[in-house]
N, C-alpha and C. Protein backbone atom coordinates (compact mmCIF):
# COMPACT_ATOMS: atom_id res chain seq x y z
N MET A 1 0.77 -1.21 -0.06
CA MET A 1 0.24 -0.08 -0.05
C MET A 1 0.67 1.12 0.12
N SER A 2 0.43 2.14 -1.09
CA SER A 2 1.55 3.09 -1.08
C SER A 2 0.64 4.64 -1.91
N LEU A 3 1.23 5.45 -1.23
CA LEU A 3 0.47 6.76 -2.14
C LEU A 3 1.75 7.52 -2.78
N ARG A 4 1.46 8.00 -3.81
CA ARG A 4 2.65 8.59 -4.49
C ARG A 4 1.92 9.62 -5.14
N LYS A 5 2.56 10.78 -5.99
CA LYS A 5 2.16 11.73 -6.85
C LYS A 5 2.20 11.01 -8.07
N ILE A 6 1.02 11.71 -9.01
CA ILE A 6 1.03 11.13 -10.35
C ILE A 6 2.43 11.78 -11.07
N LYS A 7 2.92 10.82 -11.87
CA LYS A 7 3.95 11.07 -12.92
C LYS A 7 3.64 11.14 -14.04
N LEU A 8 3.71 12.24 -14.81
CA LEU A 8 3.10 12.45 -16.00
C LEU A 8 4.51 12.81 -17.09
N PRO A 9 4.13 11.95 -18.35
CA PRO A 9 3.10 11.52 -19.10
C PRO A 9 2.73 9.93 -18.74
N GLN A 10 3.62 9.24 -17.98
CA GLN A 10 3.58 7.84 -18.01
C GLN A 10 2.00 7.50 -17.34
N ASP A 11 1.52 8.18 -16.41
CA ASP A 11 0.63 7.79 -15.67
C ASP A 11 -0.58 8.17 -16.54
N ILE A 12 -0.74 8.83 -17.62
CA ILE A 12 -1.88 9.24 -18.00
C ILE A 12 -2.92 8.00 -18.30
N TYR A 13 -2.41 7.13 -18.88
CA TYR A 13 -3.31 6.02 -19.62
C TYR A 13 -3.69 4.99 -18.03
N PRO A 14 -2.77 4.81 -17.33
CA PRO A 14 -3.18 3.87 -16.13
C PRO A 14 -4.24 4.71 -15.33
N THR A 15 -3.92 5.96 -14.96
CA THR A 15 -4.64 6.76 -14.33
C THR A 15 -6.17 6.52 -14.60
N ALA A 16 -6.34 6.91 -16.36
CA ALA A 16 -7.64 7.18 -16.77
C ALA A 16 -8.53 5.76 -16.77
N GLU A 17 -7.87 4.74 -17.13
CA GLU A 17 -8.36 3.28 -16.81
C GLU A 17 -8.73 3.25 -15.63
N THR A 18 -8.25 3.39 -14.62
CA THR A 18 -8.35 3.26 -13.14
C THR A 18 -9.89 4.31 -12.74
N ALA A 19 -9.34 5.43 -13.30
CA ALA A 19 -10.76 6.63 -13.18
C ALA A 19 -12.12 5.96 -13.90
N MET A 20 -11.96 5.31 -15.06
CA MET A 20 -13.26 4.63 -15.71
C MET A 20 -14.03 3.33 -14.93
N LYS A 21 -12.96 2.81 -14.54
CA LYS A 21 -13.59 1.80 -13.72
C LYS A 21 -13.95 2.16 -12.36
N SER A 22 -13.43 3.15 -11.85
CA SER A 22 -13.71 3.51 -10.73
C SER A 22 -15.18 4.43 -10.42
N PHE A 23 -15.27 4.82 -11.89
CA PHE A 23 -16.83 5.42 -11.87
C PHE A 23 -17.88 4.64 -12.07
N GLN A 24 -17.75 3.46 -11.58
CA GLN A 24 -18.97 2.33 -11.81
C GLN A 24 -19.23 2.03 -10.13
N TYR A 25 -20.73 2.21 -10.29
CA TYR A 25 -21.44 2.09 -8.91
C TYR A 25 -22.29 0.97 -8.81
N PRO A 26 -21.94 -0.33 -8.39
CA PRO A 26 -22.58 -1.48 -8.65
C PRO A 26 -24.11 -1.07 -7.79
N GLU A 27 -24.13 -0.51 -7.03
CA GLU A 27 -25.16 -0.15 -6.06
C GLU A 27 -26.33 0.94 -6.90
N ASN A 28 -25.79 1.58 -7.76
CA ASN A 28 -26.17 2.72 -8.50
C ASN A 28 -25.84 2.86 -9.75
N PRO A 29 -26.13 1.99 -10.56
CA PRO A 29 -25.41 2.12 -12.19
C PRO A 29 -25.85 3.33 -12.88
N GLU A 30 -26.71 4.02 -12.71
CA GLU A 30 -27.07 5.24 -13.33
C GLU A 30 -26.27 6.50 -12.94
N TRP A 31 -25.34 6.19 -11.76
CA TRP A 31 -24.01 6.98 -11.65
C TRP A 31 -22.94 6.77 -12.29
N GLY A 32 -22.90 5.36 -12.96
CA GLY A 32 -21.66 5.38 -13.54
C GLY A 32 -21.26 5.99 -14.79
N ILE A 33 -20.17 5.67 -15.40
CA ILE A 33 -19.56 6.53 -16.57
C ILE A 33 -20.07 5.54 -17.82
N GLN A 34 -20.70 6.35 -18.92
CA GLN A 34 -21.18 5.52 -19.99
C GLN A 34 -20.11 5.20 -20.97
N GLN A 35 -20.81 4.21 -21.81
CA GLN A 35 -19.48 3.73 -23.09
C GLN A 35 -19.05 5.03 -23.63
N ASP A 36 -20.25 6.02 -23.96
CA ASP A 36 -19.78 6.98 -24.99
C ASP A 36 -19.15 7.95 -24.36
N GLU A 37 -19.02 8.05 -23.04
CA GLU A 37 -18.18 8.81 -22.24
C GLU A 37 -16.63 8.56 -22.23
N LYS A 38 -16.68 7.19 -22.05
CA LYS A 38 -15.11 6.42 -21.95
C LYS A 38 -14.51 6.55 -23.19
N GLU A 39 -15.30 6.15 -24.63
CA GLU A 39 -14.48 6.84 -25.45
C GLU A 39 -14.20 7.97 -26.01
N GLN A 40 -14.84 9.27 -25.28
CA GLN A 40 -14.40 10.79 -25.46
C GLN A 40 -13.36 10.81 -24.57
N ILE A 41 -13.26 9.83 -23.35
CA ILE A 41 -11.78 10.06 -22.45
C ILE A 41 -10.77 9.71 -22.93
N ARG A 42 -11.05 8.39 -23.82
CA ARG A 42 -9.74 7.82 -24.40
C ARG A 42 -9.41 8.89 -25.74
N GLY A 43 -10.33 9.65 -26.45
CA GLY A 43 -10.12 10.26 -27.39
C GLY A 43 -8.91 11.59 -26.73
N MET A 44 -9.73 12.01 -25.53
CA MET A 44 -8.84 13.16 -24.87
C MET A 44 -7.69 12.88 -24.49
N LEU A 45 -7.41 11.70 -23.97
CA LEU A 45 -6.43 10.99 -23.53
C LEU A 45 -5.09 10.89 -24.58
N ASN A 46 -5.68 10.46 -25.84
CA ASN A 46 -4.61 10.38 -26.88
C ASN A 46 -4.15 11.77 -27.52
N ASN A 47 -5.16 12.68 -27.36
CA ASN A 47 -4.92 14.17 -28.08
C ASN A 47 -3.55 14.65 -26.79
N LEU A 48 -4.16 14.41 -25.32
CA LEU A 48 -3.02 14.88 -24.39
C LEU A 48 -1.59 13.88 -24.71
N LYS A 49 -1.66 12.91 -24.86
CA LYS A 49 -0.51 12.04 -25.08
C LYS A 49 0.39 12.85 -26.34
N ARG A 50 -0.28 13.10 -27.41
CA ARG A 50 0.19 13.57 -28.73
C ARG A 50 0.93 14.96 -28.50
N PHE A 51 0.06 15.46 -27.61
CA PHE A 51 0.49 16.79 -27.34
C PHE A 51 0.93 17.30 -26.05
N TRP A 52 1.64 16.17 -25.54
CA TRP A 52 2.43 16.12 -24.09
C TRP A 52 3.72 16.89 -24.25
N PRO A 53 4.41 16.95 -25.51
CA PRO A 53 5.71 17.66 -25.57
C PRO A 53 5.71 19.17 -25.30
N ILE A 54 4.38 19.74 -25.85
CA ILE A 54 3.86 21.16 -25.91
C ILE A 54 3.60 21.59 -24.49
N LEU A 55 2.55 20.58 -23.85
CA LEU A 55 2.14 20.85 -22.73
C LEU A 55 3.44 20.95 -21.66
N ALA A 56 4.03 19.83 -21.80
CA ALA A 56 5.36 19.74 -20.81
C ALA A 56 6.11 21.42 -20.93
N VAL A 57 6.35 21.75 -22.03
CA VAL A 57 7.09 23.24 -22.26
C VAL A 57 6.30 24.15 -21.73
N LEU A 58 4.93 23.84 -21.81
CA LEU A 58 4.07 24.99 -21.40
C LEU A 58 4.16 24.77 -19.58
N ARG A 59 4.13 23.76 -18.96
CA ARG A 59 4.03 23.76 -17.60
C ARG A 59 5.59 24.30 -17.09
N TRP A 60 6.67 24.08 -17.90
CA TRP A 60 7.61 24.61 -17.45
C TRP A 60 7.92 26.15 -17.57
N VAL A 61 7.35 26.72 -18.61
CA VAL A 61 7.48 28.20 -18.65
C VAL A 61 6.50 29.20 -18.32
N VAL A 62 5.06 28.44 -18.06
CA VAL A 62 3.94 29.21 -17.90
C VAL A 62 3.32 28.97 -16.31
N PRO A 63 3.46 29.91 -15.29
CA PRO A 63 3.26 29.24 -13.96
C PRO A 63 1.54 28.58 -14.18
N SER A 64 0.61 29.08 -14.70
CA SER A 64 -0.72 28.79 -14.34
C SER A 64 -0.96 27.06 -15.12
N PHE A 65 -0.01 26.74 -15.79
CA PHE A 65 0.13 25.39 -16.34
C PHE A 65 0.89 24.37 -15.44
N ARG A 66 1.49 24.72 -14.46
CA ARG A 66 2.04 23.97 -13.41
C ARG A 66 1.11 23.10 -12.58
N ASP A 67 -0.17 23.96 -12.49
CA ASP A 67 -0.91 23.86 -11.83
C ASP A 67 -2.11 22.87 -12.21
N ILE A 68 -2.11 22.40 -13.21
CA ILE A 68 -3.14 21.56 -13.44
C ILE A 68 -2.64 20.12 -13.78
N LEU A 69 -3.42 19.25 -13.93
CA LEU A 69 -2.91 17.96 -13.91
C LEU A 69 -2.30 17.26 -12.84
N LEU A 70 -2.67 17.80 -11.46
CA LEU A 70 -1.77 17.22 -10.46
C LEU A 70 -2.66 16.27 -9.82
N GLY A 71 -2.01 15.34 -8.81
CA GLY A 71 -2.89 14.44 -8.45
C GLY A 71 -2.01 13.42 -7.40
N HIS A 72 -2.77 12.24 -7.07
CA HIS A 72 -1.91 11.19 -6.20
C HIS A 72 -2.66 9.60 -6.99
N ILE A 73 -1.74 8.94 -6.63
CA ILE A 73 -2.25 7.24 -7.09
C ILE A 73 -1.89 6.69 -5.77
N TRP A 74 -3.34 5.68 -5.43
CA TRP A 74 -2.92 4.69 -4.37
C TRP A 74 -2.99 3.27 -4.83
N GLU A 75 -1.98 2.69 -4.62
CA GLU A 75 -1.55 1.46 -5.29
C GLU A 75 -1.36 0.34 -4.19
N GLU A 76 -1.83 -0.68 -4.57
CA GLU A 76 -1.85 -1.75 -3.64
C GLU A 76 -1.40 -3.14 -4.28
N GLY A 77 -0.58 -3.89 -4.08
CA GLY A 77 0.00 -4.95 -5.02
C GLY A 77 0.31 -4.85 -6.27
N GLY A 78 0.69 -3.64 -6.58
CA GLY A 78 0.88 -3.52 -7.93
C GLY A 78 -0.06 -2.96 -8.96
N ILE A 79 -1.59 -2.61 -8.07
CA ILE A 79 -2.61 -2.42 -9.16
C ILE A 79 -3.05 -1.09 -8.52
N ILE A 80 -3.37 0.09 -9.40
CA ILE A 80 -3.83 1.36 -9.02
C ILE A 80 -5.36 1.01 -8.34
N ALA A 81 -5.24 1.54 -7.02
CA ALA A 81 -6.58 1.21 -6.55
C ALA A 81 -7.61 2.47 -6.63
N GLY A 82 -6.80 3.59 -6.70
CA GLY A 82 -7.46 4.96 -6.43
C GLY A 82 -6.67 6.03 -7.00
N ILE A 83 -7.28 7.00 -7.29
CA ILE A 83 -6.45 8.13 -8.04
C ILE A 83 -7.42 9.45 -7.70
N SER A 84 -6.38 10.38 -7.53
CA SER A 84 -6.90 11.70 -7.24
C SER A 84 -6.52 13.03 -8.13
N MET A 85 -7.11 13.73 -8.53
CA MET A 85 -6.91 14.79 -9.28
C MET A 85 -7.40 16.16 -8.88
N TYR A 86 -6.55 17.27 -8.90
CA TYR A 86 -6.90 18.36 -8.44
C TYR A 86 -6.02 19.76 -9.30
N GLN A 87 -6.30 21.04 -9.03
CA GLN A 87 -5.87 21.91 -9.56
C GLN A 87 -6.10 23.38 -8.79
N ARG A 88 -5.10 23.94 -9.27
CA ARG A 88 -5.19 25.58 -8.36
C ARG A 88 -5.84 26.26 -9.56
N ARG A 89 -6.89 26.96 -8.91
CA ARG A 89 -7.79 27.80 -9.76
C ARG A 89 -7.27 29.11 -9.46
N THR A 90 -6.98 29.64 -8.37
CA THR A 90 -6.36 31.20 -8.30
C THR A 90 -5.34 30.87 -7.27
N LYS A 91 -4.90 31.84 -6.72
CA LYS A 91 -3.44 31.73 -6.16
C LYS A 91 -3.75 31.16 -4.77
N THR A 92 -5.32 30.98 -4.06
CA THR A 92 -5.32 30.47 -2.95
C THR A 92 -6.67 29.55 -3.25
N ASP A 93 -7.30 29.17 -4.37
CA ASP A 93 -8.25 28.22 -4.29
C ASP A 93 -8.03 27.27 -5.48
N TYR A 94 -8.50 26.02 -4.67
CA TYR A 94 -8.15 24.89 -5.47
C TYR A 94 -9.44 24.15 -5.82
N TYR A 95 -9.34 23.22 -6.82
CA TYR A 95 -10.57 22.49 -7.13
C TYR A 95 -10.21 21.01 -7.23
N ILE A 96 -11.03 20.11 -6.34
CA ILE A 96 -10.63 18.81 -6.51
C ILE A 96 -11.51 18.20 -7.61
N SER A 97 -11.07 17.93 -8.74
CA SER A 97 -11.88 17.20 -9.58
C SER A 97 -12.09 15.72 -9.69
N SER A 98 -11.66 15.15 -9.05
CA SER A 98 -11.58 13.75 -8.89
C SER A 98 -10.87 13.03 -7.50
N ILE A 99 -11.84 12.25 -6.89
CA ILE A 99 -11.40 11.18 -5.90
C ILE A 99 -11.99 9.88 -6.16
N SER A 100 -11.34 9.03 -6.71
CA SER A 100 -11.91 8.01 -7.22
C SER A 100 -10.97 6.60 -6.50
N VAL A 101 -12.24 5.48 -6.17
CA VAL A 101 -11.67 4.39 -5.74
C VAL A 101 -12.25 3.13 -6.30
N LEU A 102 -11.37 1.92 -6.94
CA LEU A 102 -12.03 0.84 -7.61
C LEU A 102 -12.97 0.70 -6.21
N PRO A 103 -14.15 -0.36 -6.99
CA PRO A 103 -15.19 -0.40 -6.05
C PRO A 103 -14.92 -1.78 -5.05
N GLU A 104 -13.94 -2.62 -5.66
CA GLU A 104 -13.28 -3.65 -4.66
C GLU A 104 -12.43 -3.21 -3.54
N TYR A 105 -12.29 -1.91 -3.61
CA TYR A 105 -11.34 -1.29 -2.58
C TYR A 105 -11.62 -0.21 -1.81
N ARG A 106 -12.97 -0.14 -1.96
CA ARG A 106 -13.84 0.92 -1.11
C ARG A 106 -13.96 0.71 0.32
N ARG A 107 -14.26 1.61 1.26
CA ARG A 107 -14.35 1.47 2.47
C ARG A 107 -13.22 0.80 3.25
N ARG A 108 -11.89 1.18 2.88
CA ARG A 108 -10.68 0.93 3.40
C ARG A 108 -10.24 2.02 3.96
N GLY A 109 -10.44 3.43 3.64
CA GLY A 109 -9.89 4.65 4.10
C GLY A 109 -8.92 5.22 2.97
N ILE A 110 -9.01 4.50 1.63
CA ILE A 110 -8.15 5.24 0.65
C ILE A 110 -8.32 6.38 0.29
N ALA A 111 -9.76 6.67 0.02
CA ALA A 111 -10.32 8.18 -0.32
C ALA A 111 -9.95 9.19 0.80
N ARG A 112 -10.06 8.88 2.05
CA ARG A 112 -9.53 9.76 3.20
C ARG A 112 -8.02 10.02 2.92
N LYS A 113 -7.15 9.12 2.81
CA LYS A 113 -5.80 9.37 2.66
C LYS A 113 -5.79 10.16 1.70
N MET A 114 -6.07 10.00 0.12
CA MET A 114 -5.79 10.71 -0.75
C MET A 114 -6.13 11.94 -0.63
N LEU A 115 -7.46 12.30 -0.17
CA LEU A 115 -8.02 13.97 0.30
C LEU A 115 -7.14 14.75 0.99
N ASN A 116 -6.87 13.79 2.16
CA ASN A 116 -5.83 14.29 3.05
C ASN A 116 -4.46 14.85 2.36
N ALA A 117 -3.96 13.67 1.60
CA ALA A 117 -2.45 14.19 0.93
C ALA A 117 -2.97 15.61 0.22
N ILE A 118 -4.29 15.80 -0.59
CA ILE A 118 -4.35 17.12 -1.15
C ILE A 118 -4.42 18.12 -0.46
N LEU A 119 -5.14 17.99 0.75
CA LEU A 119 -5.21 19.22 1.80
C LEU A 119 -3.94 19.40 2.32
N ASP A 120 -2.95 18.54 2.53
CA ASP A 120 -1.83 18.75 3.07
C ASP A 120 -0.89 19.75 1.80
N VAL A 121 -1.08 19.53 0.59
CA VAL A 121 -0.36 20.10 -0.39
C VAL A 121 -0.74 21.38 -0.27
N VAL A 122 -2.54 21.92 -0.15
CA VAL A 122 -3.21 22.79 -0.52
C VAL A 122 -2.54 23.76 0.77
N LYS A 123 -2.46 23.20 2.06
CA LYS A 123 -1.88 24.10 3.57
C LYS A 123 -0.28 24.28 2.88
N ALA A 124 0.41 23.69 2.65
CA ALA A 124 1.82 23.67 2.27
C ALA A 124 2.04 25.11 1.20
N GLN A 125 0.88 24.99 0.32
CA GLN A 125 1.05 25.80 -0.58
C GLN A 125 0.57 27.55 -0.26
N GLY A 126 -0.05 27.51 1.12
CA GLY A 126 -0.88 28.65 1.12
C GLY A 126 -2.32 28.63 0.57
N GLY A 127 -2.71 27.68 0.29
CA GLY A 127 -4.27 27.56 -0.14
C GLY A 127 -5.29 28.17 1.05
N GLY A 128 -6.15 28.64 0.26
CA GLY A 128 -7.22 28.79 1.18
C GLY A 128 -8.59 28.05 1.25
N LYS A 129 -9.08 27.82 -0.02
CA LYS A 129 -10.33 27.25 -0.09
C LYS A 129 -10.01 25.95 -1.02
N VAL A 130 -11.10 25.19 -1.02
CA VAL A 130 -10.88 23.94 -1.98
C VAL A 130 -12.46 23.69 -1.85
N LEU A 131 -12.64 23.29 -3.40
CA LEU A 131 -13.95 23.12 -3.72
C LEU A 131 -13.85 21.63 -4.26
N LEU A 132 -15.25 20.69 -4.05
CA LEU A 132 -15.12 19.62 -4.85
C LEU A 132 -16.62 19.36 -5.29
N ASP A 133 -17.26 18.50 -6.15
CA ASP A 133 -18.50 18.08 -6.55
C ASP A 133 -18.45 16.69 -6.02
N VAL A 134 -19.76 16.39 -5.45
CA VAL A 134 -20.03 15.07 -5.28
C VAL A 134 -21.64 14.62 -5.80
N ILE A 135 -21.94 13.46 -6.15
CA ILE A 135 -23.15 13.03 -6.64
C ILE A 135 -24.07 13.26 -5.36
N SER A 136 -25.12 13.97 -5.57
CA SER A 136 -25.82 14.25 -4.25
C SER A 136 -26.45 13.42 -3.61
N GLU A 137 -26.55 12.04 -4.07
CA GLU A 137 -26.86 10.47 -3.34
C GLU A 137 -25.98 9.99 -2.92
N ASN A 138 -24.51 10.31 -3.19
CA ASN A 138 -23.62 9.44 -2.98
C ASN A 138 -23.23 9.88 -1.30
N PHE A 139 -24.13 9.37 -0.32
CA PHE A 139 -23.73 9.58 0.97
C PHE A 139 -22.53 9.43 1.76
N PRO A 140 -21.89 8.18 1.00
CA PRO A 140 -20.77 7.65 2.01
C PRO A 140 -19.42 8.77 1.39
N ALA A 141 -19.31 9.42 0.45
CA ALA A 141 -18.58 10.19 -0.01
C ALA A 141 -18.96 11.63 0.64
N TYR A 142 -20.10 12.08 0.65
CA TYR A 142 -20.88 13.32 1.04
C TYR A 142 -20.09 13.26 2.96
N VAL A 143 -20.56 12.41 3.56
CA VAL A 143 -20.32 12.19 5.00
C VAL A 143 -18.66 12.31 5.19
N LEU A 144 -17.89 11.65 4.15
CA LEU A 144 -16.28 11.70 4.24
C LEU A 144 -16.05 13.14 4.23
N TYR A 145 -16.40 13.94 3.08
CA TYR A 145 -16.29 15.45 2.87
C TYR A 145 -16.41 15.99 4.42
N GLU A 146 -17.75 15.90 4.60
CA GLU A 146 -18.24 16.62 5.91
C GLU A 146 -17.35 16.58 7.05
N LYS A 147 -16.83 15.26 7.44
CA LYS A 147 -15.66 14.76 8.48
C LYS A 147 -14.55 15.54 8.38
N LEU A 148 -13.98 15.54 6.85
CA LEU A 148 -12.78 16.56 6.92
C LEU A 148 -12.83 17.80 7.11
N GLY A 149 -14.39 18.53 7.23
CA GLY A 149 -14.12 19.89 7.45
C GLY A 149 -14.92 20.64 6.09
N PHE A 150 -15.48 19.79 5.19
CA PHE A 150 -15.90 20.54 3.88
C PHE A 150 -17.35 20.79 4.38
N GLU A 151 -17.85 22.21 3.98
CA GLU A 151 -19.47 22.40 4.23
C GLU A 151 -19.94 22.68 2.93
N HIS A 152 -21.38 22.05 3.10
CA HIS A 152 -22.34 22.18 1.81
C HIS A 152 -22.13 23.64 1.23
N PHE A 153 -22.11 23.61 0.01
CA PHE A 153 -22.36 24.77 -0.94
C PHE A 153 -22.76 24.55 -2.37
N SER A 154 -23.53 25.48 -2.72
CA SER A 154 -23.92 25.05 -4.08
C SER A 154 -24.18 26.42 -4.64
N GLY A 155 -23.27 26.97 -5.54
CA GLY A 155 -22.96 27.90 -6.54
C GLY A 155 -23.38 27.59 -7.85
N SER A 156 -23.68 26.28 -8.22
CA SER A 156 -24.36 26.08 -9.52
C SER A 156 -25.49 25.45 -9.77
N ILE A 157 -26.30 25.63 -10.92
CA ILE A 157 -27.35 25.36 -11.16
C ILE A 157 -27.16 24.45 -12.33
N ILE A 158 -28.14 23.54 -12.48
CA ILE A 158 -27.53 22.33 -13.71
C ILE A 158 -29.11 22.55 -14.23
N LEU A 159 -28.82 22.80 -15.59
CA LEU A 159 -29.97 22.95 -16.73
C LEU A 159 -29.76 21.96 -17.65
N ASN A 160 -30.95 21.58 -17.93
CA ASN A 160 -31.15 20.52 -19.29
C ASN A 160 -31.61 20.96 -20.32
N TYR A 161 -30.91 20.72 -21.41
CA TYR A 161 -31.60 21.14 -22.80
C TYR A 161 -31.81 19.99 -23.63
N ASN A 162 -33.25 19.59 -24.09
CA ASN A 162 -33.38 18.52 -24.74
C ASN A 162 -32.99 18.37 -26.34
N GLY A 163 -32.61 19.56 -26.75
CA GLY A 163 -32.24 19.67 -28.33
C GLY A 163 -33.25 20.43 -29.08
N ASP A 164 -34.68 20.56 -28.63
CA ASP A 164 -35.70 21.15 -29.49
C ASP A 164 -35.25 22.45 -29.69
N ALA A 165 -36.01 23.16 -30.58
CA ALA A 165 -35.83 24.67 -31.00
C ALA A 165 -36.04 25.28 -29.67
N LEU A 166 -35.29 26.49 -29.48
CA LEU A 166 -35.50 27.42 -28.43
C LEU A 166 -36.88 28.27 -28.61
N PRO A 167 -37.60 28.63 -27.62
CA PRO A 167 -38.89 29.43 -27.83
C PRO A 167 -38.31 30.83 -28.37
N GLU A 168 -39.11 31.60 -29.20
CA GLU A 168 -38.86 32.95 -29.52
C GLU A 168 -39.18 33.87 -28.39
N LEU A 169 -38.16 34.65 -27.83
CA LEU A 169 -38.65 35.57 -26.61
C LEU A 169 -39.42 36.76 -27.43
N VAL A 170 -40.77 36.76 -27.01
CA VAL A 170 -41.76 37.65 -27.24
C VAL A 170 -41.50 39.24 -26.71
N ASP A 171 -41.85 39.17 -25.35
CA ASP A 171 -41.75 40.26 -24.57
C ASP A 171 -40.59 40.38 -23.45
N LEU A 172 -39.56 41.35 -23.83
CA LEU A 172 -38.64 41.25 -22.82
C LEU A 172 -38.98 42.33 -21.90
N PRO A 173 -38.33 42.37 -20.58
CA PRO A 173 -38.55 43.15 -19.65
C PRO A 173 -38.00 44.66 -20.13
N SER A 174 -38.31 45.73 -19.71
CA SER A 174 -38.04 46.99 -20.15
C SER A 174 -36.74 47.32 -19.80
N GLY A 175 -35.74 47.67 -20.66
CA GLY A 175 -34.33 47.84 -20.61
C GLY A 175 -33.62 46.77 -21.28
N TYR A 176 -34.13 45.63 -21.58
CA TYR A 176 -33.53 44.54 -22.10
C TYR A 176 -33.30 44.50 -23.61
N GLU A 177 -32.57 43.80 -24.29
CA GLU A 177 -32.69 43.61 -25.68
C GLU A 177 -31.74 42.38 -26.19
N ILE A 178 -32.40 41.89 -27.00
CA ILE A 178 -31.55 40.75 -27.74
C ILE A 178 -30.42 41.22 -28.73
N VAL A 179 -29.35 40.63 -28.51
CA VAL A 179 -27.97 41.02 -29.22
C VAL A 179 -27.19 39.60 -29.54
N ASN A 180 -27.10 39.51 -30.85
CA ASN A 180 -26.16 38.44 -31.34
C ASN A 180 -24.94 38.57 -31.16
N LEU A 181 -24.35 37.52 -30.44
CA LEU A 181 -22.96 37.78 -30.02
C LEU A 181 -21.75 36.71 -31.32
N LYS A 182 -20.78 37.47 -31.43
CA LYS A 182 -19.88 36.40 -32.48
C LYS A 182 -18.82 36.00 -31.81
N PRO A 183 -18.48 34.67 -31.78
CA PRO A 183 -17.44 34.15 -31.05
C PRO A 183 -16.14 34.59 -31.24
N ASN A 184 -15.43 34.77 -30.40
CA ASN A 184 -14.13 35.22 -30.51
C ASN A 184 -12.98 34.76 -31.58
């Protein structure tokens, strides 16, 4: 059993494969990652691997690039059992994008150890705020985050669009107008 920092680029594929296996929830299959999402992830990884030399140079010369693709790997018996990914968003704010453990390794304290490792890094670098997302029904994860001092906060709104044509706005409130924006 060991915890280590992710090493790039060699950990790109093994980490992604573990993440895809970790985002399966036998007790709640609807939470799991779908086949089309797996294919998208593999495509992004292939692009990341292809452009790694450029990204490596950018990480060397551009400070904001140094703080992406950070994380830890938990290994047991040569198997990557868990991964964590985080990034610095501002000088003092961090975002944890993933804490995932293979289903057969859950309930052993691995997620807690990886999360504590991230929090140790954040504290050592003078970080102030750490944000993360959790599936609202994932009570084991939610309870863990609360025990470690995270507080419930929701500044996001989820909107779904089913692909139908948008309705025409007829009457706008006084002082508002519709303006077509051009992409940059």
